[in-house]
PDB file of N, CA and C in Angstrom:
ATOM      1  N   UNK A   1     -66.352  -3.260 -65.623  1.00  0.00           N
ATOM      2  CA  UNK A   1     -67.079  -4.226 -64.831  1.00  0.00           C
ATOM      3  C   UNK A   1     -67.302  -5.509 -65.621  1.00  0.00           C
ATOM      4  N   UNK A   2     -67.816  -5.387 -66.840  1.00  0.00           N
ATOM      5  CA  UNK A   2     -68.095  -6.604 -67.606  1.00  0.00           C
ATOM      6  C   UNK A   2     -66.806  -7.356 -67.922  1.00  0.00           C
ATOM      7  N   UNK A   3     -65.741  -6.624 -68.181  1.00  0.00           N
ATOM      8  CA  UNK A   3     -64.454  -7.267 -68.471  1.00  0.00           C
ATOM      9  C   UNK A   3     -63.925  -8.005 -67.237  1.00  0.00           C
ATOM     10  N   UNK A   4     -64.083  -7.401 -66.059  1.00  0.00           N
ATOM     11  CA  UNK A   4     -63.587  -8.043 -64.840  1.00  0.00           C
ATOM     12  C   UNK A   4     -64.405  -9.300 -64.523  1.00  0.00           C
ATOM     13  N   UNK A   5     -65.736  -9.223 -64.650  1.00  0.00           N
ATOM     14  CA  UNK A   5     -66.578 -10.400 -64.398  1.00  0.00           C
ATOM     15  C   UNK A   5     -66.191 -11.562 -65.306  1.00  0.00           C
ATOM     16  N   UNK A   6     -65.904 -11.240 -66.560  1.00  0.00           N
ATOM     17  CA  UNK A   6     -65.502 -12.264 -67.527  1.00  0.00           C
ATOM     18  C   UNK A   6     -64.096 -12.771 -67.225  1.00  0.00           C
ATOM     19  N   UNK A   7     -63.179 -11.849 -66.866  1.00  0.00           N
ATOM     20  CA  UNK A   7     -61.780 -12.230 -66.641  1.00  0.00           C
ATOM     21  C   UNK A   7     -61.618 -13.157 -65.437  1.00  0.00           C
ATOM     22  N   UNK A   8     -62.431 -12.952 -64.388  1.00  0.00           N
ATOM     23  CA  UNK A   8     -62.307 -13.806 -63.199  1.00  0.00           C
ATOM     24  C   UNK A   8     -63.257 -15.000 -63.257  1.00  0.00           C
ATOM     25  N   UNK A   9     -63.878 -15.195 -64.406  1.00  0.00           N
ATOM     26  CA  UNK A   9     -64.693 -16.379 -64.694  1.00  0.00           C
ATOM     27  C   UNK A   9     -65.975 -16.474 -63.870  1.00  0.00           C
ATOM     28  N   UNK A  10     -66.578 -15.327 -63.535  1.00  0.00           N
ATOM     29  CA  UNK A  10     -67.897 -15.357 -62.910  1.00  0.00           C
ATOM     30  C   UNK A  10     -68.982 -15.521 -63.963  1.00  0.00           C
ATOM     31  N   UNK A  11     -68.692 -15.085 -65.193  1.00  0.00           N
ATOM     32  CA  UNK A  11     -69.596 -15.312 -66.321  1.00  0.00           C
ATOM     33  C   UNK A  11     -68.817 -16.028 -67.422  1.00  0.00           C
ATOM     34  N   UNK A  12     -69.539 -16.737 -68.267  1.00  0.00           N
ATOM     35  CA  UNK A  12     -68.880 -17.504 -69.325  1.00  0.00           C
ATOM     36  C   UNK A  12     -68.366 -16.616 -70.452  1.00  0.00           C
ATOM     37  N   UNK A  13     -69.148 -15.590 -70.801  1.00  0.00           N
ATOM     38  CA  UNK A  13     -68.735 -14.711 -71.882  1.00  0.00           C
ATOM     39  C   UNK A  13     -68.845 -13.260 -71.435  1.00  0.00           C
ATOM     40  N   UNK A  14     -68.135 -12.400 -72.133  1.00  0.00           N
ATOM     41  CA  UNK A  14     -68.203 -10.978 -71.809  1.00  0.00           C
ATOM     42  C   UNK A  14     -69.577 -10.430 -72.183  1.00  0.00           C
ATOM     43  N   UNK A  15     -70.200 -10.997 -73.198  1.00  0.00           N
ATOM     44  CA  UNK A  15     -71.548 -10.589 -73.581  1.00  0.00           C
ATOM     45  C   UNK A  15     -72.533 -10.882 -72.460  1.00  0.00           C
ATOM     46  N   UNK A  16     -72.397 -12.045 -71.808  1.00  0.00           N
ATOM     47  CA  UNK A  16     -73.259 -12.374 -70.669  1.00  0.00           C
ATOM     48  C   UNK A  16     -73.057 -11.383 -69.528  1.00  0.00           C
ATOM     49  N   UNK A  17     -71.819 -10.990 -69.297  1.00  0.00           N
ATOM     50  CA  UNK A  17     -71.515 -10.032 -68.237  1.00  0.00           C
ATOM     51  C   UNK A  17     -72.139  -8.671 -68.543  1.00  0.00           C
ATOM     52  N   UNK A  18     -72.041  -8.218 -69.784  1.00  0.00           N
ATOM     53  CA  UNK A  18     -72.623  -6.937 -70.172  1.00  0.00           C
ATOM     54  C   UNK A  18     -74.149  -6.981 -70.079  1.00  0.00           C
ATOM     55  N   UNK A  19     -74.739  -8.112 -70.463  1.00  0.00           N
ATOM     56  CA  UNK A  19     -76.192  -8.261 -70.376  1.00  0.00           C
ATOM     57  C   UNK A  19     -76.652  -8.249 -68.919  1.00  0.00           C
ATOM     58  N   UNK A  20     -75.880  -8.850 -68.030  1.00  0.00           N
ATOM     59  CA  UNK A  20     -76.220  -8.832 -66.601  1.00  0.00           C
ATOM     60  C   UNK A  20     -76.154  -7.414 -66.060  1.00  0.00           C
ATOM     61  N   UNK A  21     -75.182  -6.646 -66.499  1.00  0.00           N
ATOM     62  CA  UNK A  21     -75.068  -5.247 -66.071  1.00  0.00           C
ATOM     63  C   UNK A  21     -76.256  -4.431 -66.591  1.00  0.00           C
ATOM     64  N   UNK A  22     -76.608  -4.616 -67.873  1.00  0.00           N
ATOM     65  CA  UNK A  22     -77.739  -3.896 -68.450  1.00  0.00           C
ATOM     66  C   UNK A  22     -79.041  -4.259 -67.762  1.00  0.00           C
ATOM     67  N   UNK A  23     -79.176  -5.510 -67.368  1.00  0.00           N
ATOM     68  CA  UNK A  23     -80.409  -5.974 -66.731  1.00  0.00           C
ATOM     69  C   UNK A  23     -80.513  -5.611 -65.266  1.00  0.00           C
ATOM     70  N   UNK A  24     -79.484  -4.992 -64.700  1.00  0.00           N
ATOM     71  CA  UNK A  24     -79.535  -4.592 -63.296  1.00  0.00           C
ATOM     72  C   UNK A  24     -79.198  -5.712 -62.334  1.00  0.00           C
ATOM     73  N   UNK A  25     -78.524  -6.755 -62.820  1.00  0.00           N
ATOM     74  CA  UNK A  25     -78.188  -7.902 -61.981  1.00  0.00           C
ATOM     75  C   UNK A  25     -76.823  -7.778 -61.321  1.00  0.00           C
ATOM     76  N   UNK A  26     -76.133  -6.671 -61.553  1.00  0.00           N
ATOM     77  CA  UNK A  26     -74.796  -6.480 -60.982  1.00  0.00           C
ATOM     78  C   UNK A  26     -74.810  -5.201 -60.156  1.00  0.00           C
ATOM     79  N   UNK A  27     -74.298  -5.287 -58.924  1.00  0.00           N
ATOM     80  CA  UNK A  27     -74.190  -4.124 -58.044  1.00  0.00           C
ATOM     81  C   UNK A  27     -72.784  -4.046 -57.503  1.00  0.00           C
ATOM     82  N   UNK A  28     -72.263  -2.841 -57.427  1.00  0.00           N
ATOM     83  CA  UNK A  28     -70.951  -2.594 -56.839  1.00  0.00           C
ATOM     84  C   UNK A  28     -71.169  -1.692 -55.629  1.00  0.00           C
ATOM     85  N   UNK A  29     -70.804  -2.187 -54.455  1.00  0.00           N
ATOM     86  CA  UNK A  29     -70.986  -1.458 -53.203  1.00  0.00           C
ATOM     87  C   UNK A  29     -72.438  -1.010 -53.018  1.00  0.00           C
ATOM     88  N   UNK A  30     -73.382  -1.859 -53.425  1.00  0.00           N
ATOM     89  CA  UNK A  30     -74.800  -1.585 -53.233  1.00  0.00           C
ATOM     90  C   UNK A  30     -75.451  -0.729 -54.300  1.00  0.00           C
ATOM     91  N   UNK A  31     -74.692  -0.242 -55.275  1.00  0.00           N
ATOM     92  CA  UNK A  31     -75.241   0.598 -56.332  1.00  0.00           C
ATOM     93  C   UNK A  31     -75.258  -0.175 -57.649  1.00  0.00           C
ATOM     94  N   UNK A  32     -76.301   0.005 -58.470  1.00  0.00           N
ATOM     95  CA  UNK A  32     -76.325  -0.679 -59.772  1.00  0.00           C
ATOM     96  C   UNK A  32     -75.110  -0.294 -60.606  1.00  0.00           C
ATOM     97  N   UNK A  33     -74.536  -1.275 -61.291  1.00  0.00           N
ATOM     98  CA  UNK A  33     -73.313  -1.048 -62.062  1.00  0.00           C
ATOM     99  C   UNK A  33     -73.588  -1.195 -63.546  1.00  0.00           C
ATOM    100  N   UNK A  34     -72.998  -0.294 -64.317  1.00  0.00           N
ATOM    101  CA  UNK A  34     -73.043  -0.407 -65.767  1.00  0.00           C
ATOM    102  C   UNK A  34     -71.843  -1.226 -66.214  1.00  0.00           C
ATOM    103  N   UNK A  35     -71.834  -1.612 -67.469  1.00  0.00           N
ATOM    104  CA  UNK A  35     -70.740  -2.431 -67.995  1.00  0.00           C
ATOM    105  C   UNK A  35     -69.411  -1.682 -67.945  1.00  0.00           C
ATOM    106  N   UNK A  36     -69.432  -0.345 -68.024  1.00  0.00           N
ATOM    107  CA  UNK A  36     -68.207   0.444 -68.050  1.00  0.00           C
ATOM    108  C   UNK A  36     -67.726   0.859 -66.657  1.00  0.00           C
ATOM    109  N   UNK A  37     -68.422   0.428 -65.599  1.00  0.00           N
ATOM    110  CA  UNK A  37     -68.032   0.792 -64.238  1.00  0.00           C
ATOM    111  C   UNK A  37     -66.672   0.202 -63.899  1.00  0.00           C
ATOM    112  N   UNK A  38     -65.805   1.023 -63.312  1.00  0.00           N
ATOM    113  CA  UNK A  38     -64.485   0.551 -62.885  1.00  0.00           C
ATOM    114  C   UNK A  38     -64.581  -0.061 -61.493  1.00  0.00           C
ATOM    115  N   UNK A  39     -63.835  -1.126 -61.275  1.00  0.00           N
ATOM    116  CA  UNK A  39     -63.774  -1.734 -59.950  1.00  0.00           C
ATOM    117  C   UNK A  39     -62.379  -1.519 -59.389  1.00  0.00           C
ATOM    118  N   UNK A  40     -62.312  -1.415 -58.072  1.00  0.00           N
ATOM    119  CA  UNK A  40     -61.035  -1.249 -57.391  1.00  0.00           C
ATOM    120  C   UNK A  40     -60.954  -2.285 -56.279  1.00  0.00           C
ATOM    121  N   UNK A  41     -59.762  -2.632 -55.848  1.00  0.00           N
ATOM    122  CA  UNK A  41     -59.641  -3.586 -54.741  1.00  0.00           C
ATOM    123  C   UNK A  41     -60.396  -3.081 -53.513  1.00  0.00           C
ATOM    124  N   UNK A  42     -61.134  -3.983 -52.900  1.00  0.00           N
ATOM    125  CA  UNK A  42     -61.941  -3.641 -51.735  1.00  0.00           C
ATOM    126  C   UNK A  42     -63.414  -3.478 -52.049  1.00  0.00           C
ATOM    127  N   UNK A  43     -63.787  -3.368 -53.324  1.00  0.00           N
ATOM    128  CA  UNK A  43     -65.191  -3.232 -53.711  1.00  0.00           C
ATOM    129  C   UNK A  43     -65.933  -4.542 -53.486  1.00  0.00           C
ATOM    130  N   UNK A  44     -67.211  -4.422 -53.093  1.00  0.00           N
ATOM    131  CA  UNK A  44     -68.070  -5.599 -52.974  1.00  0.00           C
ATOM    132  C   UNK A  44     -68.933  -5.671 -54.225  1.00  0.00           C
ATOM    133  N   UNK A  45     -68.881  -6.796 -54.910  1.00  0.00           N
ATOM    134  CA  UNK A  45     -69.637  -6.983 -56.149  1.00  0.00           C
ATOM    135  C   UNK A  45     -70.680  -8.061 -55.921  1.00  0.00           C
ATOM    136  N   UNK A  46     -71.941  -7.722 -56.209  1.00  0.00           N
ATOM    137  CA  UNK A  46     -73.039  -8.693 -56.162  1.00  0.00           C
ATOM    138  C   UNK A  46     -73.490  -8.917 -57.598  1.00  0.00           C
ATOM    139  N   UNK A  47     -73.384 -10.136 -58.055  1.00  0.00           N
ATOM    140  CA  UNK A  47     -73.757 -10.455 -59.432  1.00  0.00           C
ATOM    141  C   UNK A  47     -74.654 -11.686 -59.434  1.00  0.00           C
ATOM    142  N   UNK A  48     -75.816 -11.556 -60.063  1.00  0.00           N
ATOM    143  CA  UNK A  48     -76.699 -12.718 -60.197  1.00  0.00           C
ATOM    144  C   UNK A  48     -76.311 -13.445 -61.473  1.00  0.00           C
ATOM    145  N   UNK A  49     -75.771 -14.634 -61.290  1.00  0.00           N
ATOM    146  CA  UNK A  49     -75.305 -15.457 -62.400  1.00  0.00           C
ATOM    147  C   UNK A  49     -76.208 -16.682 -62.440  1.00  0.00           C
ATOM    148  N   UNK A  50     -77.052 -16.753 -63.459  1.00  0.00           N
ATOM    149  CA  UNK A  50     -78.020 -17.843 -63.515  1.00  0.00           C
ATOM    150  C   UNK A  50     -79.048 -17.654 -62.402  1.00  0.00           C
ATOM    151  N   UNK A  51     -79.191 -18.658 -61.558  1.00  0.00           N
ATOM    152  CA  UNK A  51     -80.143 -18.573 -60.451  1.00  0.00           C
ATOM    153  C   UNK A  51     -79.457 -18.262 -59.132  1.00  0.00           C
ATOM    154  N   UNK A  52     -78.140 -18.078 -59.149  1.00  0.00           N
ATOM    155  CA  UNK A  52     -77.368 -17.873 -57.929  1.00  0.00           C
ATOM    156  C   UNK A  52     -76.846 -16.441 -57.880  1.00  0.00           C
ATOM    157  N   UNK A  53     -76.990 -15.797 -56.731  1.00  0.00           N
ATOM    158  CA  UNK A  53     -76.409 -14.479 -56.537  1.00  0.00           C
ATOM    159  C   UNK A  53     -75.058 -14.645 -55.882  1.00  0.00           C
ATOM    160  N   UNK A  54     -74.010 -14.234 -56.572  1.00  0.00           N
ATOM    161  CA  UNK A  54     -72.644 -14.338 -56.062  1.00  0.00           C
ATOM    162  C   UNK A  54     -72.263 -13.015 -55.418  1.00  0.00           C
ATOM    163  N   UNK A  55     -71.687 -13.078 -54.230  1.00  0.00           N
ATOM    164  CA  UNK A  55     -71.190 -11.900 -53.527  1.00  0.00           C
ATOM    165  C   UNK A  55     -69.687 -12.086 -53.381  1.00  0.00           C
ATOM    166  N   UNK A  56     -68.917 -11.201 -54.011  1.00  0.00           N
ATOM    167  CA  UNK A  56     -67.463 -11.316 -53.965  1.00  0.00           C
ATOM    168  C   UNK A  56     -66.848  -9.969 -53.611  1.00  0.00           C
ATOM    169  N   UNK A  57     -65.675 -10.031 -52.992  1.00  0.00           N
ATOM    170  CA  UNK A  57     -64.899  -8.833 -52.701  1.00  0.00           C
ATOM    171  C   UNK A  57     -63.698  -8.823 -53.645  1.00  0.00           C
ATOM    172  N   UNK A  58     -63.492  -7.701 -54.320  1.00  0.00           N
ATOM    173  CA  UNK A  58     -62.405  -7.582 -55.287  1.00  0.00           C
ATOM    174  C   UNK A  58     -61.077  -7.491 -54.540  1.00  0.00           C
ATOM    175  N   UNK A  59     -60.136  -8.359 -54.878  1.00  0.00           N
ATOM    176  CA  UNK A  59     -58.801  -8.331 -54.296  1.00  0.00           C
ATOM    177  C   UNK A  59     -57.815  -7.746 -55.295  1.00  0.00           C
ATOM    178  N   UNK A  60     -57.976  -8.146 -56.560  1.00  0.00           N
ATOM    179  CA  UNK A  60     -57.050  -7.720 -57.603  1.00  0.00           C
ATOM    180  C   UNK A  60     -57.838  -7.482 -58.879  1.00  0.00           C
ATOM    181  N   UNK A  61     -57.503  -6.417 -59.580  1.00  0.00           N
ATOM    182  CA  UNK A  61     -58.171  -6.093 -60.842  1.00  0.00           C
ATOM    183  C   UNK A  61     -57.310  -6.600 -61.989  1.00  0.00           C
ATOM    184  N   UNK A  62     -57.926  -7.384 -62.875  1.00  0.00           N
ATOM    185  CA  UNK A  62     -57.228  -7.887 -64.058  1.00  0.00           C
ATOM    186  C   UNK A  62     -58.044  -7.531 -65.288  1.00  0.00           C
ATOM    187  N   UNK A  63     -57.392  -7.449 -66.421  1.00  0.00           N
ATOM    188  CA  UNK A  63     -58.048  -7.066 -67.667  1.00  0.00           C
ATOM    189  C   UNK A  63     -58.222  -8.234 -68.628  1.00  0.00           C
ATOM    190  N   UNK A  64     -57.332  -9.232 -68.537  1.00  0.00           N
ATOM    191  CA  UNK A  64     -57.385 -10.362 -69.453  1.00  0.00           C
ATOM    192  C   UNK A  64     -57.831 -11.608 -68.708  1.00  0.00           C
ATOM    193  N   UNK A  65     -58.513 -12.487 -69.407  1.00  0.00           N
ATOM    194  CA  UNK A  65     -59.008 -13.733 -68.823  1.00  0.00           C
ATOM    195  C   UNK A  65     -57.834 -14.648 -68.501  1.00  0.00           C
ATOM    196  N   UNK A  66     -57.879 -15.224 -67.300  1.00  0.00           N
ATOM    197  CA  UNK A  66     -56.817 -16.106 -66.841  1.00  0.00           C
ATOM    198  C   UNK A  66     -57.416 -17.457 -66.491  1.00  0.00           C
ATOM    199  N   UNK A  67     -56.562 -18.406 -66.191  1.00  0.00           N
ATOM    200  CA  UNK A  67     -57.027 -19.731 -65.812  1.00  0.00           C
ATOM    201  C   UNK A  67     -57.776 -19.701 -64.492  1.00  0.00           C
ATOM    202  N   UNK A  68     -58.544 -20.734 -64.237  1.00  0.00           N
ATOM    203  CA  UNK A  68     -59.375 -20.799 -63.040  1.00  0.00           C
ATOM    204  C   UNK A  68     -58.572 -20.686 -61.745  1.00  0.00           C
ATOM    205  N   UNK A  69     -57.410 -21.369 -61.608  1.00  0.00           N
ATOM    206  CA  UNK A  69     -56.652 -21.220 -60.354  1.00  0.00           C
ATOM    207  C   UNK A  69     -56.184 -19.784 -60.110  1.00  0.00           C
ATOM    208  N   UNK A  70     -55.820 -19.061 -61.166  1.00  0.00           N
ATOM    209  CA  UNK A  70     -55.404 -17.670 -61.014  1.00  0.00           C
ATOM    210  C   UNK A  70     -56.603 -16.752 -60.782  1.00  0.00           C
ATOM    211  N   UNK A  71     -57.747 -17.063 -61.405  1.00  0.00           N
ATOM    212  CA  UNK A  71     -58.932 -16.223 -61.272  1.00  0.00           C
ATOM    213  C   UNK A  71     -59.451 -16.216 -59.842  1.00  0.00           C
ATOM    214  N   UNK A  72     -59.343 -17.329 -59.143  1.00  0.00           N
ATOM    215  CA  UNK A  72     -59.846 -17.423 -57.772  1.00  0.00           C
ATOM    216  C   UNK A  72     -59.072 -16.501 -56.830  1.00  0.00           C
ATOM    217  N   UNK A  73     -57.828 -16.192 -57.167  1.00  0.00           N
ATOM    218  CA  UNK A  73     -57.019 -15.315 -56.316  1.00  0.00           C
ATOM    219  C   UNK A  73     -57.379 -13.844 -56.488  1.00  0.00           C
ATOM    220  N   UNK A  74     -58.231 -13.511 -57.441  1.00  0.00           N
ATOM    221  CA  UNK A  74     -58.592 -12.115 -57.707  1.00  0.00           C
ATOM    222  C   UNK A  74     -59.781 -11.646 -56.876  1.00  0.00           C
ATOM    223  N   UNK A  75     -60.443 -12.548 -56.181  1.00  0.00           N
ATOM    224  CA  UNK A  75     -61.591 -12.156 -55.360  1.00  0.00           C
ATOM    225  C   UNK A  75     -61.726 -13.078 -54.161  1.00  0.00           C
ATOM    226  N   UNK A  76     -62.467 -12.590 -53.167  1.00  0.00           N
ATOM    227  CA  UNK A  76     -62.816 -13.397 -51.996  1.00  0.00           C
ATOM    228  C   UNK A  76     -64.308 -13.663 -52.090  1.00  0.00           C
ATOM    229  N   UNK A  77     -64.685 -14.919 -52.129  1.00  0.00           N
ATOM    230  CA  UNK A  77     -66.089 -15.293 -52.282  1.00  0.00           C
ATOM    231  C   UNK A  77     -66.800 -15.195 -50.941  1.00  0.00           C
ATOM    232  N   UNK A  78     -67.784 -14.304 -50.854  1.00  0.00           N
ATOM    233  CA  UNK A  78     -68.568 -14.110 -49.639  1.00  0.00           C
ATOM    234  C   UNK A  78     -70.026 -14.499 -49.861  1.00  0.00           C
ATOM    235  N   UNK A  79     -70.260 -15.375 -50.820  1.00  0.00           N
ATOM    236  CA  UNK A  79     -71.609 -15.834 -51.123  1.00  0.00           C
ATOM    237  C   UNK A  79     -72.140 -16.658 -49.959  1.00  0.00           C
ATOM    238  N   UNK A  80     -73.340 -16.313 -49.424  1.00  0.00           N
ATOM    239  CA  UNK A  80     -73.884 -17.096 -48.313  1.00  0.00           C
ATOM    240  C   UNK A  80     -74.259 -18.504 -48.771  1.00  0.00           C
ATOM    241  N   UNK A  81     -74.159 -19.445 -47.846  1.00  0.00           N
ATOM    242  CA  UNK A  81     -74.520 -20.830 -48.139  1.00  0.00           C
ATOM    243  C   UNK A  81     -76.032 -20.930 -48.345  1.00  0.00           C
ATOM    244  N   UNK A  82     -76.497 -21.781 -49.266  1.00  0.00           N
ATOM    245  CA  UNK A  82     -77.944 -21.934 -49.466  1.00  0.00           C
ATOM    246  C   UNK A  82     -78.566 -22.604 -48.254  1.00  0.00           C
ATOM    247  N   UNK A  83     -79.826 -22.287 -47.947  1.00  0.00           N
ATOM    248  CA  UNK A  83     -80.477 -22.916 -46.802  1.00  0.00           C
ATOM    249  C   UNK A  83     -80.637 -24.416 -47.024  1.00  0.00           C
ATOM    250  N   UNK A  84     -80.606 -25.203 -45.959  1.00  0.00           N
ATOM    251  CA  UNK A  84     -80.669 -26.660 -46.134  1.00  0.00           C
ATOM    252  C   UNK A  84     -81.982 -27.147 -46.739  1.00  0.00           C
ATOM    253  N   UNK A  85     -83.086 -26.427 -46.556  1.00  0.00           N
ATOM    254  CA  UNK A  85     -84.351 -26.893 -47.115  1.00  0.00           C
ATOM    255  C   UNK A  85     -84.415 -26.711 -48.625  1.00  0.00           C
ATOM    256  N   UNK A  86     -83.430 -26.040 -49.222  1.00  0.00           N
ATOM    257  CA  UNK A  86     -83.409 -25.867 -50.672  1.00  0.00           C
ATOM    258  C   UNK A  86     -83.159 -27.197 -51.388  1.00  0.00           C
ATOM    259  N   UNK A  87     -82.624 -28.166 -50.674  1.00  0.00           N
ATOM    260  CA  UNK A  87     -82.333 -29.462 -51.273  1.00  0.00           C
ATOM    261  C   UNK A  87     -83.368 -30.478 -50.798  1.00  0.00           C
ATOM    262  N   UNK A  88     -84.595 -30.357 -51.287  1.00  0.00           N
ATOM    263  CA  UNK A  88     -85.672 -31.261 -50.905  1.00  0.00           C
ATOM    264  C   UNK A  88     -85.482 -32.604 -51.611  1.00  0.00           C
ATOM    265  N   UNK A  89     -85.838 -33.694 -50.941  1.00  0.00           N
ATOM    266  CA  UNK A  89     -85.695 -34.992 -51.602  1.00  0.00           C
ATOM    267  C   UNK A  89     -86.658 -35.106 -52.785  1.00  0.00           C
ATOM    268  N   UNK A  90     -86.211 -35.769 -53.797  1.00  0.00           N
ATOM    269  CA  UNK A  90     -87.005 -35.945 -55.006  1.00  0.00           C
ATOM    270  C   UNK A  90     -87.499 -37.381 -55.043  1.00  0.00           C
ATOM    271  N   UNK A  91     -88.809 -37.532 -55.246  1.00  0.00           N
ATOM    272  CA  UNK A  91     -89.370 -38.869 -55.351  1.00  0.00           C
ATOM    273  C   UNK A  91     -88.936 -39.487 -56.677  1.00  0.00           C
ATOM    274  N   UNK A  92     -88.424 -40.696 -56.632  1.00  0.00           N
ATOM    275  CA  UNK A  92     -87.927 -41.355 -57.839  1.00  0.00           C
ATOM    276  C   UNK A  92     -88.770 -42.594 -58.135  1.00  0.00           C
ATOM    277  N   UNK A  93     -89.045 -42.799 -59.404  1.00  0.00           N
ATOM    278  CA  UNK A  93     -89.773 -43.986 -59.830  1.00  0.00           C
ATOM    279  C   UNK A  93     -88.814 -44.879 -60.595  1.00  0.00           C
ATOM    280  N   UNK A  94     -89.093 -46.164 -60.557  1.00  0.00           N
ATOM    281  CA  UNK A  94     -88.266 -47.106 -61.304  1.00  0.00           C
ATOM    282  C   UNK A  94     -88.404 -46.837 -62.792  1.00  0.00           C
ATOM    283  N   UNK A  95     -87.288 -46.984 -63.500  1.00  0.00           N
ATOM    284  CA  UNK A  95     -87.293 -46.763 -64.931  1.00  0.00           C
ATOM    285  C   UNK A  95     -88.161 -47.831 -65.601  1.00  0.00           C
ATOM    286  N   UNK A  96     -89.052 -47.383 -66.477  1.00  0.00           N
ATOM    287  CA  UNK A  96     -89.931 -48.303 -67.188  1.00  0.00           C
ATOM    288  C   UNK A  96     -91.174 -48.676 -66.396  1.00  0.00           C
ATOM    289  N   UNK A  97     -91.428 -48.003 -65.270  1.00  0.00           N
ATOM    290  CA  UNK A  97     -92.592 -48.329 -64.443  1.00  0.00           C
ATOM    291  C   UNK A  97     -93.885 -47.785 -65.042  1.00  0.00           C
ATOM    292  N   UNK A  98     -93.777 -46.938 -66.046  1.00  0.00           N
ATOM    293  CA  UNK A  98     -94.975 -46.400 -66.674  1.00  0.00           C
ATOM    294  C   UNK A  98     -95.548 -45.234 -65.893  1.00  0.00           C
ATOM    295  N   UNK A  99     -96.754 -44.839 -66.277  1.00  0.00           N
ATOM    296  CA  UNK A  99     -97.406 -43.716 -65.611  1.00  0.00           C
ATOM    297  C   UNK A  99     -97.916 -44.137 -64.244  1.00  0.00           C
ATOM    298  N   UNK A 100     -97.997 -43.187 -63.299  1.00  0.00           N
ATOM    299  CA  UNK A 100     -98.528 -43.545 -61.985  1.00  0.00           C
ATOM    300  C   UNK A 100    -100.026 -43.855 -62.052  1.00  0.00           C
ATOM    301  N   UNK A 101    -100.448 -44.792 -61.228  1.00  0.00           N
ATOM    302  CA  UNK A 101    -101.865 -45.131 -61.147  1.00  0.00           C
ATOM    303  C   UNK A 101    -102.577 -44.062 -60.313  1.00  0.00           C
ATOM    304  N   UNK A 102    -103.915 -44.171 -60.213  1.00  0.00           N
ATOM    305  CA  UNK A 102    -104.662 -43.212 -59.400  1.00  0.00           C
ATOM    306  C   UNK A 102    -104.197 -43.262 -57.950  1.00  0.00           C
ATOM    307  N   UNK A 103    -103.951 -44.451 -57.466  1.00  0.00           N
ATOM    308  CA  UNK A 103    -103.498 -44.606 -56.079  1.00  0.00           C
ATOM    309  C   UNK A 103    -102.116 -43.972 -55.898  1.00  0.00           C
ATOM    310  N   UNK A 104    -101.214 -44.209 -56.862  1.00  0.00           N
ATOM    311  CA  UNK A 104     -99.884 -43.593 -56.811  1.00  0.00           C
ATOM    312  C   UNK A 104     -99.995 -42.070 -56.824  1.00  0.00           C
ATOM    313  N   UNK A 105    -100.889 -41.541 -57.657  1.00  0.00           N
ATOM    314  CA  UNK A 105    -101.071 -40.099 -57.763  1.00  0.00           C
ATOM    315  C   UNK A 105    -101.558 -39.515 -56.438  1.00  0.00           C
ATOM    316  N   UNK A 106    -102.479 -40.200 -55.769  1.00  0.00           N
ATOM    317  CA  UNK A 106    -102.963 -39.731 -54.461  1.00  0.00           C
ATOM    318  C   UNK A 106    -101.839 -39.696 -53.437  1.00  0.00           C
ATOM    319  N   UNK A 107    -100.995 -40.716 -53.450  1.00  0.00           N
ATOM    320  CA  UNK A 107     -99.863 -40.765 -52.520  1.00  0.00           C
ATOM    321  C   UNK A 107     -98.883 -39.623 -52.818  1.00  0.00           C
ATOM    322  N   UNK A 108     -98.622 -39.381 -54.096  1.00  0.00           N
ATOM    323  CA  UNK A 108     -97.713 -38.303 -54.484  1.00  0.00           C
ATOM    324  C   UNK A 108     -98.279 -36.946 -54.059  1.00  0.00           C
ATOM    325  N   UNK A 109     -99.571 -36.717 -54.322  1.00  0.00           N
ATOM    326  CA  UNK A 109    -100.198 -35.452 -53.940  1.00  0.00           C
ATOM    327  C   UNK A 109    -100.182 -35.260 -52.427  1.00  0.00           C
ATOM    328  N   UNK A 110    -100.412 -36.328 -51.686  1.00  0.00           N
ATOM    329  CA  UNK A 110    -100.388 -36.253 -50.229  1.00  0.00           C
ATOM    330  C   UNK A 110     -98.976 -35.923 -49.731  1.00  0.00           C
ATOM    331  N   UNK A 111     -97.977 -36.502 -50.383  1.00  0.00           N
ATOM    332  CA  UNK A 111     -96.589 -36.251 -50.009  1.00  0.00           C
ATOM    333  C   UNK A 111     -96.206 -34.795 -50.283  1.00  0.00           C
ATOM    334  N   UNK A 112     -96.610 -34.278 -51.442  1.00  0.00           N
ATOM    335  CA  UNK A 112     -96.271 -32.908 -51.806  1.00  0.00           C
ATOM    336  C   UNK A 112     -96.954 -31.884 -50.914  1.00  0.00           C
ATOM    337  N   UNK A 113     -98.163 -32.188 -50.432  1.00  0.00           N
ATOM    338  CA  UNK A 113     -98.868 -31.242 -49.574  1.00  0.00           C
ATOM    339  C   UNK A 113     -98.388 -31.318 -48.120  1.00  0.00           C
ATOM    340  N   UNK A 114     -97.484 -32.233 -47.828  1.00  0.00           N
ATOM    341  CA  UNK A 114     -96.946 -32.342 -46.475  1.00  0.00           C
ATOM    342  C   UNK A 114     -97.768 -33.255 -45.582  1.00  0.00           C
ATOM    343  N   UNK A 115     -98.605 -34.069 -46.179  1.00  0.00           N
ATOM    344  CA  UNK A 115     -99.466 -34.966 -45.412  1.00  0.00           C
ATOM    345  C   UNK A 115     -98.769 -36.179 -44.857  1.00  0.00           C
ATOM    346  N   UNK A 116     -97.603 -36.558 -45.361  1.00  0.00           N
ATOM    347  CA  UNK A 116     -96.909 -37.739 -44.853  1.00  0.00           C
ATOM    348  C   UNK A 116     -95.965 -37.418 -43.764  1.00  0.00           C
TER     349      UNK A 116
END
């Protein structure tokens, strides 16, 4: 499992893949997977990589790391799209404007609480 995650470039290093397996962040067909778990074509793999949970279906099993164009052909990405509210607008201040005044702070707090 850890070798396949690393080979298809879902994780940067094989150590990261093994740590994800040990931490319970990888599931194969709904069951927790250890680093030594074998994958076969047709398996559904759920792996939490960083803050994103990737859901992929295994198409081809490889043992050695390949380039990104070849790695994409080894799985079908079934990761759901993030909800649109996940991309909230960020209030931006002009560079060099200094700290916000009391009035600015009240406006910011009102905006964050949904008052505007």
